[in-house]
Structures are given as C-alpha cells and as structure tokens.
Amino acid sequence: MNWTAIKAIYLFEMARFFRTLAQSLISPVLSTSLYFVVFGAAIGSRIQEIEGVSYGAFIVPGLIMLSVITQAISNASFGIYFPKFIGTIYELLSAPVNFLEIVAGYVGAAATKALFIGVIILITAFFFVDVQIAHPLAMVAFLLLTCLSFALLGFIIGIWAGNFEQLQLVPLLVVTPLVFLGGSFYSISMLPPVWQTISYFNPVVYLISGFRWAFFGTADVPIALSLVAIAGFTSLCLLVIGWIFKTGWRIRQ
C-alpha cells in the first residue's frame, strides 16, 4: 500500500475543504440551525413527544444524517469529478498507485469532511435541545459507517457524471427525498400500515433508525438489520468501484 500517495490525495482534498470553509462548514450548520428553529420550536410546540422523547431531541439524529449523507456525497463526487473535468485524472491513473489508494485518498477525505460537519451539528444541537446519547460507541460507529458508505456512493456518482448538472442530479432527486422520507422528522410507526410497509423499502430508514437507537435506545427496525443494511450497502459500493477501475468505465472512455 502506497501510503504516501494516499496522504497526498487526502491532504489535497482536505486543503480544498478549508479553503472553502464558509461554503463547506458554515452553510450546512446554519441550515441545520434553521431546521431546529422551524421543526423544533414551531412543530415541537404541537408535538410534545415521540416514543417518550421530546420532538426537538427526536429530530437530532435525522438532521445529522441528512447533513452527513448529503455532504459525504457532495464532497466525494466533486473530488473525483473535477480531475476528470480538467483532465488531470490521467496523470493520476498513470502514476504508480492502484485504485484502492486512489479511492482511500478521495473517499477518506470526503468521509472526514462529512464526519467533521456531523460532529459540529451535534454540538450545535446541544444549544437548542437537551440531547442524551444512550450508546455513544454505537453512535460513533454508525456515524463513521454512514460517512464512509455515502462517500463511496459519491465517488461513484462523480465518475458517472458527465457534467456539473448530472453531478447534482442523484443527490437532489434521489438521495435527499429518501432521507426526508426515511423517518428524519417522524417515526415510521406513526404512518398508516401501508406506508409503513413502503417505508421499509427505503434503505435510509435503516440508517436513521439505527442512528436514533444509539441516541435514545428506540428504533423503528431491529438494530441488527440496520447494521446488515449499511454493511451490505458499503460492500455493494466497493464492488461497483472495483468494477469501474477494472473496466475503465467513464474514466478511460
């Protein structure tokens, strides 16, 4: 494993993150603060508790997942797309590094950025609501796995995208709706039986449910099923990336 190459890619991507700190960090934190004000104060005054948890605290895991997922995808997709756009990816492909080292550098940086934002949003939440974390180690594990898996998805999107419009297509039209419909602001048990059944086909439900269990000890689906779902999703993304580099799809074509 060429650790020097991984470090070079990782540090380059992290430097870009800190150069655009206002856009990369302040913007998602302000957006999340508005969610706390609107949903936590306005709606929370009408919905006192869900499953024994105050509504303001109940939405914290969902808001963190929303920000982490979108940021992981955005950073990873742009990170690999931009070298494609300006043509420097061919220099990277001709360098003495394999695809695992390229993926580790770009995905590792994107996951770190998403994790950093998730932690900042969690700290921000303490200023608005009283949040208790029942299983802190599980919370960290779910957060790390989510950052990693969706950074891998973003890497795939960045390779697939042919222009900047396509780069935003999947996050805006697919991922964000799935997160909103995945129980970010409500419990699946509050839905009618038919819609509960439909919700179980949404993979984001398992992520948010497992993450919420780490906070409050309650979940919409069994915690083991949530772990299997995120492990399967991560494995699928790794297989797709391996196939992309093996065939050169959208890279050498």
C-alpha atoms as a PDB file:
ATOM      1  CA  MET A   1       0.000   0.000   0.000  1.00  0.00           C
ATOM      2  CA  ASN A   2       1.418   3.377  -1.094  1.00  0.00           C
ATOM      3  CA  TRP A   3       0.668   5.481   1.996  1.00  0.00           C
ATOM      4  CA  THR A   4       2.482   8.499   0.537  1.00  0.00           C
ATOM      5  CA  ALA A   5       0.051   8.606  -2.385  1.00  0.00           C
ATOM      6  CA  ILE A   6      -2.959   8.243  -0.087  1.00  0.00           C
ATOM      7  CA  LYS A   7      -1.664  11.007   2.152  1.00  0.00           C
ATOM      8  CA  ALA A   8      -1.034  13.336  -0.811  1.00  0.00           C
ATOM      9  CA  ILE A   9      -4.577  12.899  -2.201  1.00  0.00           C
ATOM     10  CA  TYR A  10      -6.107  13.145   1.265  1.00  0.00           C
ATOM     11  CA  LEU A  11      -4.274  16.334   2.231  1.00  0.00           C
ATOM     12  CA  PHE A  12      -5.021  17.935  -1.148  1.00  0.00           C
ATOM     13  CA  GLU A  13      -8.754  17.322  -0.708  1.00  0.00           C
ATOM     14  CA  MET A  14      -8.735  18.499   2.901  1.00  0.00           C
ATOM     15  CA  ALA A  15      -6.933  21.694   1.865  1.00  0.00           C
ATOM     16  CA  ARG A  16      -9.731  22.395  -0.624  1.00  0.00           C
ATOM     17  CA  PHE A  17     -12.249  21.924   2.192  1.00  0.00           C
ATOM     18  CA  PHE A  18     -10.572  24.515   4.417  1.00  0.00           C
ATOM     19  CA  ARG A  19     -10.176  26.970   1.519  1.00  0.00           C
ATOM     20  CA  THR A  20     -13.963  26.991   1.106  1.00  0.00           C
ATOM     21  CA  LEU A  21     -14.797  26.804   4.803  1.00  0.00           C
ATOM     22  CA  ALA A  22     -17.790  29.166   4.595  1.00  0.00           C
ATOM     23  CA  GLN A  23     -19.473  27.031   1.953  1.00  0.00           C
ATOM     24  CA  SER A  24     -18.302  23.687   3.306  1.00  0.00           C
ATOM     25  CA  LEU A  25     -18.998  24.137   7.008  1.00  0.00           C
ATOM     26  CA  ILE A  26     -20.874  27.310   7.935  1.00  0.00           C
ATOM     27  CA  SER A  27     -23.623  26.831   5.346  1.00  0.00           C
ATOM     28  CA  PRO A  28     -24.771  23.343   6.488  1.00  0.00           C
ATOM     29  CA  VAL A  29     -24.578  24.369  10.152  1.00  0.00           C
ATOM     30  CA  LEU A  30     -26.762  27.444   9.551  1.00  0.00           C
ATOM     31  CA  SER A  31     -29.222  25.355   7.527  1.00  0.00           C
ATOM     32  CA  THR A  32     -29.463  22.792  10.311  1.00  0.00           C
ATOM     33  CA  SER A  33     -29.966  25.558  12.899  1.00  0.00           C
ATOM     34  CA  LEU A  34     -32.948  26.755  10.877  1.00  0.00           C
ATOM     35  CA  TYR A  35     -34.363  23.221  10.954  1.00  0.00           C
ATOM     36  CA  PHE A  36     -34.092  23.269  14.736  1.00  0.00           C
ATOM     37  CA  VAL A  37     -35.896  26.604  14.897  1.00  0.00           C
ATOM     38  CA  VAL A  38     -38.672  25.643  12.466  1.00  0.00           C
ATOM     39  CA  PHE A  39     -39.219  21.997  13.352  1.00  0.00           C
ATOM     40  CA  GLY A  40     -38.034  22.003  16.953  1.00  0.00           C
ATOM     41  CA  ALA A  41     -39.813  25.181  18.043  1.00  0.00           C
ATOM     42  CA  ALA A  42     -42.790  25.557  15.700  1.00  0.00           C
ATOM     43  CA  ILE A  43     -43.760  21.906  15.213  1.00  0.00           C
ATOM     44  CA  GLY A  44     -42.292  20.808  18.550  1.00  0.00           C
ATOM     45  CA  SER A  45     -44.751  23.057  20.351  1.00  0.00           C
ATOM     46  CA  ARG A  46     -47.572  20.970  18.852  1.00  0.00           C
ATOM     47  CA  ILE A  47     -45.909  17.533  19.035  1.00  0.00           C
ATOM     48  CA  GLN A  48     -44.630  17.210  22.583  1.00  0.00           C
ATOM     49  CA  GLU A  49     -43.104  13.731  22.497  1.00  0.00           C
ATOM     50  CA  ILE A  50     -42.467  10.787  20.200  1.00  0.00           C
ATOM     51  CA  GLU A  51     -41.780   7.441  21.875  1.00  0.00           C
ATOM     52  CA  GLY A  52     -41.035   9.215  25.147  1.00  0.00           C
ATOM     53  CA  VAL A  53     -38.524  11.648  23.580  1.00  0.00           C
ATOM     54  CA  SER A  54     -39.145  15.367  23.106  1.00  0.00           C
ATOM     55  CA  TYR A  55     -39.711  16.205  19.456  1.00  0.00           C
ATOM     56  CA  GLY A  56     -36.812  18.668  19.366  1.00  0.00           C
ATOM     57  CA  ALA A  57     -34.397  15.968  20.527  1.00  0.00           C
ATOM     58  CA  PHE A  58     -36.062  13.272  18.394  1.00  0.00           C
ATOM     59  CA  ILE A  59     -35.163  15.010  15.123  1.00  0.00           C
ATOM     60  CA  VAL A  60     -31.468  15.459  16.013  1.00  0.00           C
ATOM     61  CA  PRO A  61     -30.289  12.085  14.618  1.00  0.00           C
ATOM     62  CA  GLY A  62     -32.280  12.627  11.425  1.00  0.00           C
ATOM     63  CA  LEU A  63     -30.843  16.111  10.911  1.00  0.00           C
ATOM     64  CA  ILE A  64     -27.299  14.835  11.457  1.00  0.00           C
ATOM     65  CA  MET A  65     -27.893  12.005   8.973  1.00  0.00           C
ATOM     66  CA  LEU A  66     -29.349  14.444   6.444  1.00  0.00           C
ATOM     67  CA  SER A  67     -26.278  16.680   6.597  1.00  0.00           C
ATOM     68  CA  VAL A  68     -23.739  13.856   6.764  1.00  0.00           C
ATOM     69  CA  ILE A  69     -25.196  11.955   3.826  1.00  0.00           C
ATOM     70  CA  THR A  70     -25.504  14.979   1.544  1.00  0.00           C
ATOM     71  CA  GLN A  71     -22.055  16.317   2.461  1.00  0.00           C
ATOM     72  CA  ALA A  72     -20.342  12.932   2.037  1.00  0.00           C
ATOM     73  CA  ILE A  73     -21.864  12.508  -1.417  1.00  0.00           C
ATOM     74  CA  SER A  74     -21.186  16.099  -2.473  1.00  0.00           C
ATOM     75  CA  ASN A  75     -17.539  16.162  -1.387  1.00  0.00           C
ATOM     76  CA  ALA A  76     -16.666  12.754  -2.805  1.00  0.00           C
ATOM     77  CA  SER A  77     -18.434  13.292  -6.142  1.00  0.00           C
ATOM     78  CA  PHE A  78     -16.874  16.708  -6.752  1.00  0.00           C
ATOM     79  CA  GLY A  79     -13.470  15.500  -5.564  1.00  0.00           C
ATOM     80  CA  ILE A  80     -13.178  12.838  -8.290  1.00  0.00           C
ATOM     81  CA  TYR A  81     -15.228  14.651 -10.952  1.00  0.00           C
ATOM     82  CA  PHE A  82     -13.054  17.770 -11.040  1.00  0.00           C
ATOM     83  CA  PRO A  83      -9.871  15.861 -12.074  1.00  0.00           C
ATOM     84  CA  LYS A  84     -11.967  14.266 -14.824  1.00  0.00           C
ATOM     85  CA  PHE A  85     -13.250  17.672 -15.894  1.00  0.00           C
ATOM     86  CA  ILE A  86      -9.809  19.297 -16.199  1.00  0.00           C
ATOM     87  CA  GLY A  87      -8.054  16.142 -17.418  1.00  0.00           C
ATOM     88  CA  THR A  88      -5.619  15.628 -14.543  1.00  0.00           C
ATOM     89  CA  ILE A  89      -7.149  12.244 -13.748  1.00  0.00           C
ATOM     90  CA  TYR A  90      -4.963  10.728 -16.484  1.00  0.00           C
ATOM     91  CA  GLU A  91      -1.879  11.839 -14.591  1.00  0.00           C
ATOM     92  CA  LEU A  92      -3.278  10.126 -11.518  1.00  0.00           C
ATOM     93  CA  LEU A  93      -4.034   6.939 -13.428  1.00  0.00           C
ATOM     94  CA  SER A  94      -0.541   6.849 -14.931  1.00  0.00           C
ATOM     95  CA  ALA A  95       1.112   7.327 -11.509  1.00  0.00           C
ATOM     96  CA  PRO A  96       2.368   4.265  -9.572  1.00  0.00           C
ATOM     97  CA  VAL A  97      -0.795   3.996  -7.461  1.00  0.00           C
ATOM     98  CA  ASN A  98      -3.577   1.428  -7.609  1.00  0.00           C
ATOM     99  CA  PHE A  99      -7.299   2.080  -7.459  1.00  0.00           C
ATOM    100  CA  LEU A 100      -7.518   1.210  -3.749  1.00  0.00           C
ATOM    101  CA  GLU A 101      -5.090   4.013  -2.928  1.00  0.00           C
ATOM    102  CA  ILE A 102      -6.982   6.481  -5.115  1.00  0.00           C
ATOM    103  CA  VAL A 103     -10.287   5.530  -3.504  1.00  0.00           C
ATOM    104  CA  ALA A 104      -8.782   5.635   0.002  1.00  0.00           C
ATOM    105  CA  GLY A 105      -7.483   9.181  -0.567  1.00  0.00           C
ATOM    106  CA  TYR A 106     -10.623  10.694  -2.067  1.00  0.00           C
ATOM    107  CA  VAL A 107     -13.200   8.751  -0.053  1.00  0.00           C
ATOM    108  CA  GLY A 108     -11.213   9.135   3.175  1.00  0.00           C
ATOM    109  CA  ALA A 109     -11.123  12.917   2.752  1.00  0.00           C
ATOM    110  CA  ALA A 110     -14.835  13.130   1.878  1.00  0.00           C
ATOM    111  CA  ALA A 111     -15.763  10.929   4.860  1.00  0.00           C
ATOM    112  CA  THR A 112     -13.600  13.071   7.168  1.00  0.00           C
ATOM    113  CA  LYS A 113     -15.315  16.252   5.978  1.00  0.00           C
ATOM    114  CA  ALA A 114     -18.770  14.728   6.485  1.00  0.00           C
ATOM    115  CA  LEU A 115     -17.771  13.443   9.928  1.00  0.00           C
ATOM    116  CA  PHE A 116     -16.441  16.867  10.883  1.00  0.00           C
ATOM    117  CA  ILE A 117     -19.713  18.507   9.856  1.00  0.00           C
ATOM    118  CA  GLY A 118     -21.746  15.847  11.678  1.00  0.00           C
ATOM    119  CA  VAL A 119     -19.853  16.466  14.914  1.00  0.00           C
ATOM    120  CA  ILE A 120     -20.269  20.246  14.581  1.00  0.00           C
ATOM    121  CA  ILE A 121     -24.021  19.829  14.032  1.00  0.00           C
ATOM    122  CA  LEU A 122     -24.251  17.535  17.066  1.00  0.00           C
ATOM    123  CA  ILE A 123     -22.521  20.191  19.174  1.00  0.00           C
ATOM    124  CA  THR A 124     -24.887  22.808  17.722  1.00  0.00           C
ATOM    125  CA  ALA A 125     -27.877  20.664  18.740  1.00  0.00           C
ATOM    126  CA  PHE A 126     -26.918  20.941  22.405  1.00  0.00           C
ATOM    127  CA  PHE A 127     -27.594  24.695  22.206  1.00  0.00           C
ATOM    128  CA  PHE A 128     -31.191  24.084  21.108  1.00  0.00           C
ATOM    129  CA  VAL A 129     -32.355  20.895  22.835  1.00  0.00           C
ATOM    130  CA  ASP A 130     -31.404  18.531  25.641  1.00  0.00           C
ATOM    131  CA  VAL A 131     -29.842  15.556  23.857  1.00  0.00           C
ATOM    132  CA  GLN A 132     -28.908  12.340  25.630  1.00  0.00           C
ATOM    133  CA  ILE A 133     -26.751   9.692  23.926  1.00  0.00           C
ATOM    134  CA  ALA A 134     -27.599   6.243  25.277  1.00  0.00           C
ATOM    135  CA  HIS A 135     -24.962   4.330  23.303  1.00  0.00           C
ATOM    136  CA  PRO A 136     -22.077   6.686  22.401  1.00  0.00           C
ATOM    137  CA  LEU A 137     -19.849   3.992  20.875  1.00  0.00           C
ATOM    138  CA  ALA A 138     -22.681   2.778  18.641  1.00  0.00           C
ATOM    139  CA  MET A 139     -23.406   6.382  17.675  1.00  0.00           C
ATOM    140  CA  VAL A 140     -19.795   6.913  16.585  1.00  0.00           C
ATOM    141  CA  ALA A 141     -19.784   3.594  14.698  1.00  0.00           C
ATOM    142  CA  PHE A 142     -22.986   4.418  12.790  1.00  0.00           C
ATOM    143  CA  LEU A 143     -21.700   7.901  12.006  1.00  0.00           C
ATOM    144  CA  LEU A 144     -18.391   6.577  10.663  1.00  0.00           C
ATOM    145  CA  LEU A 145     -20.068   3.859   8.582  1.00  0.00           C
ATOM    146  CA  THR A 146     -22.545   6.351   7.123  1.00  0.00           C
ATOM    147  CA  CYS A 147     -19.785   8.813   6.209  1.00  0.00           C
ATOM    148  CA  LEU A 148     -17.761   6.042   4.560  1.00  0.00           C
ATOM    149  CA  SER A 149     -20.586   4.358   2.671  1.00  0.00           C
ATOM    150  CA  PHE A 150     -22.077   7.539   1.209  1.00  0.00           C
ATOM    151  CA  ALA A 151     -18.640   8.904   0.354  1.00  0.00           C
ATOM    152  CA  LEU A 152     -18.212   5.717  -1.704  1.00  0.00           C
ATOM    153  CA  LEU A 153     -21.575   6.398  -3.360  1.00  0.00           C
ATOM    154  CA  GLY A 154     -20.496   9.969  -4.071  1.00  0.00           C
ATOM    155  CA  PHE A 155     -17.275   8.674  -5.638  1.00  0.00           C
ATOM    156  CA  ILE A 156     -19.363   6.509  -7.994  1.00  0.00           C
ATOM    157  CA  ILE A 157     -21.606   9.471  -8.862  1.00  0.00           C
ATOM    158  CA  GLY A 158     -18.549  11.636  -9.592  1.00  0.00           C
ATOM    159  CA  ILE A 159     -17.209   9.046 -12.041  1.00  0.00           C
ATOM    160  CA  TRP A 160     -20.618   8.561 -13.658  1.00  0.00           C
ATOM    161  CA  ALA A 161     -21.404  12.272 -14.064  1.00  0.00           C
ATOM    162  CA  GLY A 162     -20.711  13.772 -17.472  1.00  0.00           C
ATOM    163  CA  ASN A 163     -21.326  17.383 -16.446  1.00  0.00           C
ATOM    164  CA  PHE A 164     -21.980  19.510 -13.365  1.00  0.00           C
ATOM    165  CA  GLU A 165     -25.754  19.136 -13.750  1.00  0.00           C
ATOM    166  CA  GLN A 166     -25.522  15.349 -13.542  1.00  0.00           C
ATOM    167  CA  LEU A 167     -23.264  15.737 -10.514  1.00  0.00           C
ATOM    168  CA  GLN A 168     -26.222  17.196  -8.584  1.00  0.00           C
ATOM    169  CA  LEU A 169     -28.924  15.028 -10.161  1.00  0.00           C
ATOM    170  CA  VAL A 170     -28.762  11.945  -7.936  1.00  0.00           C
ATOM    171  CA  PRO A 171     -28.314  13.808  -4.606  1.00  0.00           C
ATOM    172  CA  LEU A 172     -31.171  16.229  -5.320  1.00  0.00           C
ATOM    173  CA  LEU A 173     -33.681  13.901  -6.991  1.00  0.00           C
ATOM    174  CA  VAL A 174     -32.948  10.596  -5.249  1.00  0.00           C
ATOM    175  CA  VAL A 175     -30.904  10.809  -2.044  1.00  0.00           C
ATOM    176  CA  THR A 176     -32.432  13.901  -0.402  1.00  0.00           C
ATOM    177  CA  PRO A 177     -36.060  12.706  -0.883  1.00  0.00           C
ATOM    178  CA  LEU A 178     -35.103   9.286   0.506  1.00  0.00           C
ATOM    179  CA  VAL A 179     -33.634  10.947   3.597  1.00  0.00           C
ATOM    180  CA  PHE A 180     -36.711  13.108   4.156  1.00  0.00           C
ATOM    181  CA  LEU A 181     -38.979  10.070   3.681  1.00  0.00           C
ATOM    182  CA  GLY A 182     -36.722   7.874   5.806  1.00  0.00           C
ATOM    183  CA  GLY A 183     -38.028   8.993   9.180  1.00  0.00           C
ATOM    184  CA  SER A 184     -35.803  12.027   9.703  1.00  0.00           C
ATOM    185  CA  PHE A 185     -38.603  14.056  11.305  1.00  0.00           C
ATOM    186  CA  TYR A 186     -41.026  11.341  12.387  1.00  0.00           C
ATOM    187  CA  SER A 187     -41.250   7.728  13.480  1.00  0.00           C
ATOM    188  CA  ILE A 188     -42.240   5.113  10.921  1.00  0.00           C
ATOM    189  CA  SER A 189     -44.729   3.771  13.472  1.00  0.00           C
ATOM    190  CA  MET A 190     -46.744   6.995  13.076  1.00  0.00           C
ATOM    191  CA  LEU A 191     -47.574   6.126   9.462  1.00  0.00           C
ATOM    192  CA  PRO A 192     -50.562   4.056   8.275  1.00  0.00           C
ATOM    193  CA  PRO A 193     -49.747   0.339   7.841  1.00  0.00           C
ATOM    194  CA  VAL A 194     -49.497   0.581   4.050  1.00  0.00           C
ATOM    195  CA  TRP A 195     -46.988   3.425   4.181  1.00  0.00           C
ATOM    196  CA  GLN A 196     -45.028   1.669   6.902  1.00  0.00           C
ATOM    197  CA  THR A 197     -44.570  -1.288   4.560  1.00  0.00           C
ATOM    198  CA  ILE A 198     -43.500   1.005   1.725  1.00  0.00           C
ATOM    199  CA  SER A 199     -41.033   2.803   4.002  1.00  0.00           C
ATOM    200  CA  TYR A 200     -39.196  -0.455   4.720  1.00  0.00           C
ATOM    201  CA  PHE A 201     -38.047  -0.465   1.082  1.00  0.00           C
ATOM    202  CA  ASN A 202     -36.248   2.830   1.714  1.00  0.00           C
ATOM    203  CA  PRO A 203     -32.646   1.945   2.658  1.00  0.00           C
ATOM    204  CA  VAL A 204     -32.174   5.240   4.514  1.00  0.00           C
ATOM    205  CA  VAL A 205     -34.799   4.140   7.058  1.00  0.00           C
ATOM    206  CA  TYR A 206     -32.366   1.562   8.424  1.00  0.00           C
ATOM    207  CA  LEU A 207     -29.564   4.116   8.776  1.00  0.00           C
ATOM    208  CA  ILE A 208     -31.652   6.706  10.585  1.00  0.00           C
ATOM    209  CA  SER A 209     -33.335   4.068  12.751  1.00  0.00           C
ATOM    210  CA  GLY A 210     -30.005   2.611  13.861  1.00  0.00           C
ATOM    211  CA  PHE A 211     -28.521   6.039  14.489  1.00  0.00           C
ATOM    212  CA  ARG A 212     -31.574   7.096  16.512  1.00  0.00           C
ATOM    213  CA  TRP A 213     -31.302   3.898  18.566  1.00  0.00           C
ATOM    214  CA  ALA A 214     -27.757   4.947  19.525  1.00  0.00           C
ATOM    215  CA  PHE A 215     -29.226   8.163  20.950  1.00  0.00           C
ATOM    216  CA  PHE A 216     -32.456   7.059  22.621  1.00  0.00           C
ATOM    217  CA  GLY A 217     -32.455   3.249  22.692  1.00  0.00           C
ATOM    218  CA  THR A 218     -35.549   3.066  20.452  1.00  0.00           C
ATOM    219  CA  ALA A 219     -35.658   2.105  16.782  1.00  0.00           C
ATOM    220  CA  ASP A 220     -38.184   1.547  14.004  1.00  0.00           C
ATOM    221  CA  VAL A 221     -36.347  -1.563  12.795  1.00  0.00           C
ATOM    222  CA  PRO A 222     -34.101  -4.066  14.655  1.00  0.00           C
ATOM    223  CA  ILE A 223     -30.589  -2.739  15.199  1.00  0.00           C
ATOM    224  CA  ALA A 224     -29.038  -5.893  13.680  1.00  0.00           C
ATOM    225  CA  LEU A 225     -30.994  -5.266  10.473  1.00  0.00           C
ATOM    226  CA  SER A 226     -29.669  -1.704  10.353  1.00  0.00           C
ATOM    227  CA  LEU A 227     -26.090  -2.966  10.633  1.00  0.00           C
ATOM    228  CA  VAL A 228     -26.645  -5.554   7.905  1.00  0.00           C
ATOM    229  CA  ALA A 229     -28.180  -2.910   5.641  1.00  0.00           C
ATOM    230  CA  ILE A 230     -25.292  -0.446   5.953  1.00  0.00           C
ATOM    231  CA  ALA A 231     -22.678  -3.222   5.649  1.00  0.00           C
ATOM    232  CA  GLY A 232     -24.382  -4.524   2.502  1.00  0.00           C
ATOM    233  CA  PHE A 233     -24.608  -1.032   1.008  1.00  0.00           C
ATOM    234  CA  THR A 234     -20.915  -0.377   1.693  1.00  0.00           C
ATOM    235  CA  SER A 235     -19.920  -3.710   0.147  1.00  0.00           C
ATOM    236  CA  LEU A 236     -22.015  -3.027  -2.941  1.00  0.00           C
ATOM    237  CA  CYS A 237     -20.376   0.375  -3.437  1.00  0.00           C
ATOM    238  CA  LEU A 238     -16.904  -1.190  -3.129  1.00  0.00           C
ATOM    239  CA  LEU A 239     -17.787  -3.840  -5.709  1.00  0.00           C
ATOM    240  CA  VAL A 240     -19.060  -1.200  -8.143  1.00  0.00           C
ATOM    241  CA  ILE A 241     -15.913   0.921  -7.718  1.00  0.00           C
ATOM    242  CA  GLY A 242     -13.730  -2.153  -8.252  1.00  0.00           C
ATOM    243  CA  TRP A 243     -15.609  -2.908 -11.479  1.00  0.00           C
ATOM    244  CA  ILE A 244     -15.262   0.710 -12.647  1.00  0.00           C
ATOM    245  CA  PHE A 245     -11.477   0.694 -12.303  1.00  0.00           C
ATOM    246  CA  LYS A 246     -11.211  -2.781 -13.787  1.00  0.00           C
ATOM    247  CA  THR A 247     -13.147  -1.846 -16.918  1.00  0.00           C
ATOM    248  CA  GLY A 248     -12.202   1.843 -17.119  1.00  0.00           C
ATOM    249  CA  TRP A 249     -15.873   2.811 -17.399  1.00  0.00           C
ATOM    250  CA  ARG A 250     -16.262   6.591 -17.582  1.00  0.00           C
ATOM    251  CA  ILE A 251     -12.570   7.012 -16.766  1.00  0.00           C
ATOM    252  CA  ARG A 252     -10.640   5.960 -19.849  1.00  0.00           C
ATOM    253  CA  GLN A 253     -13.558   6.264 -22.231  1.00  0.00           C
END
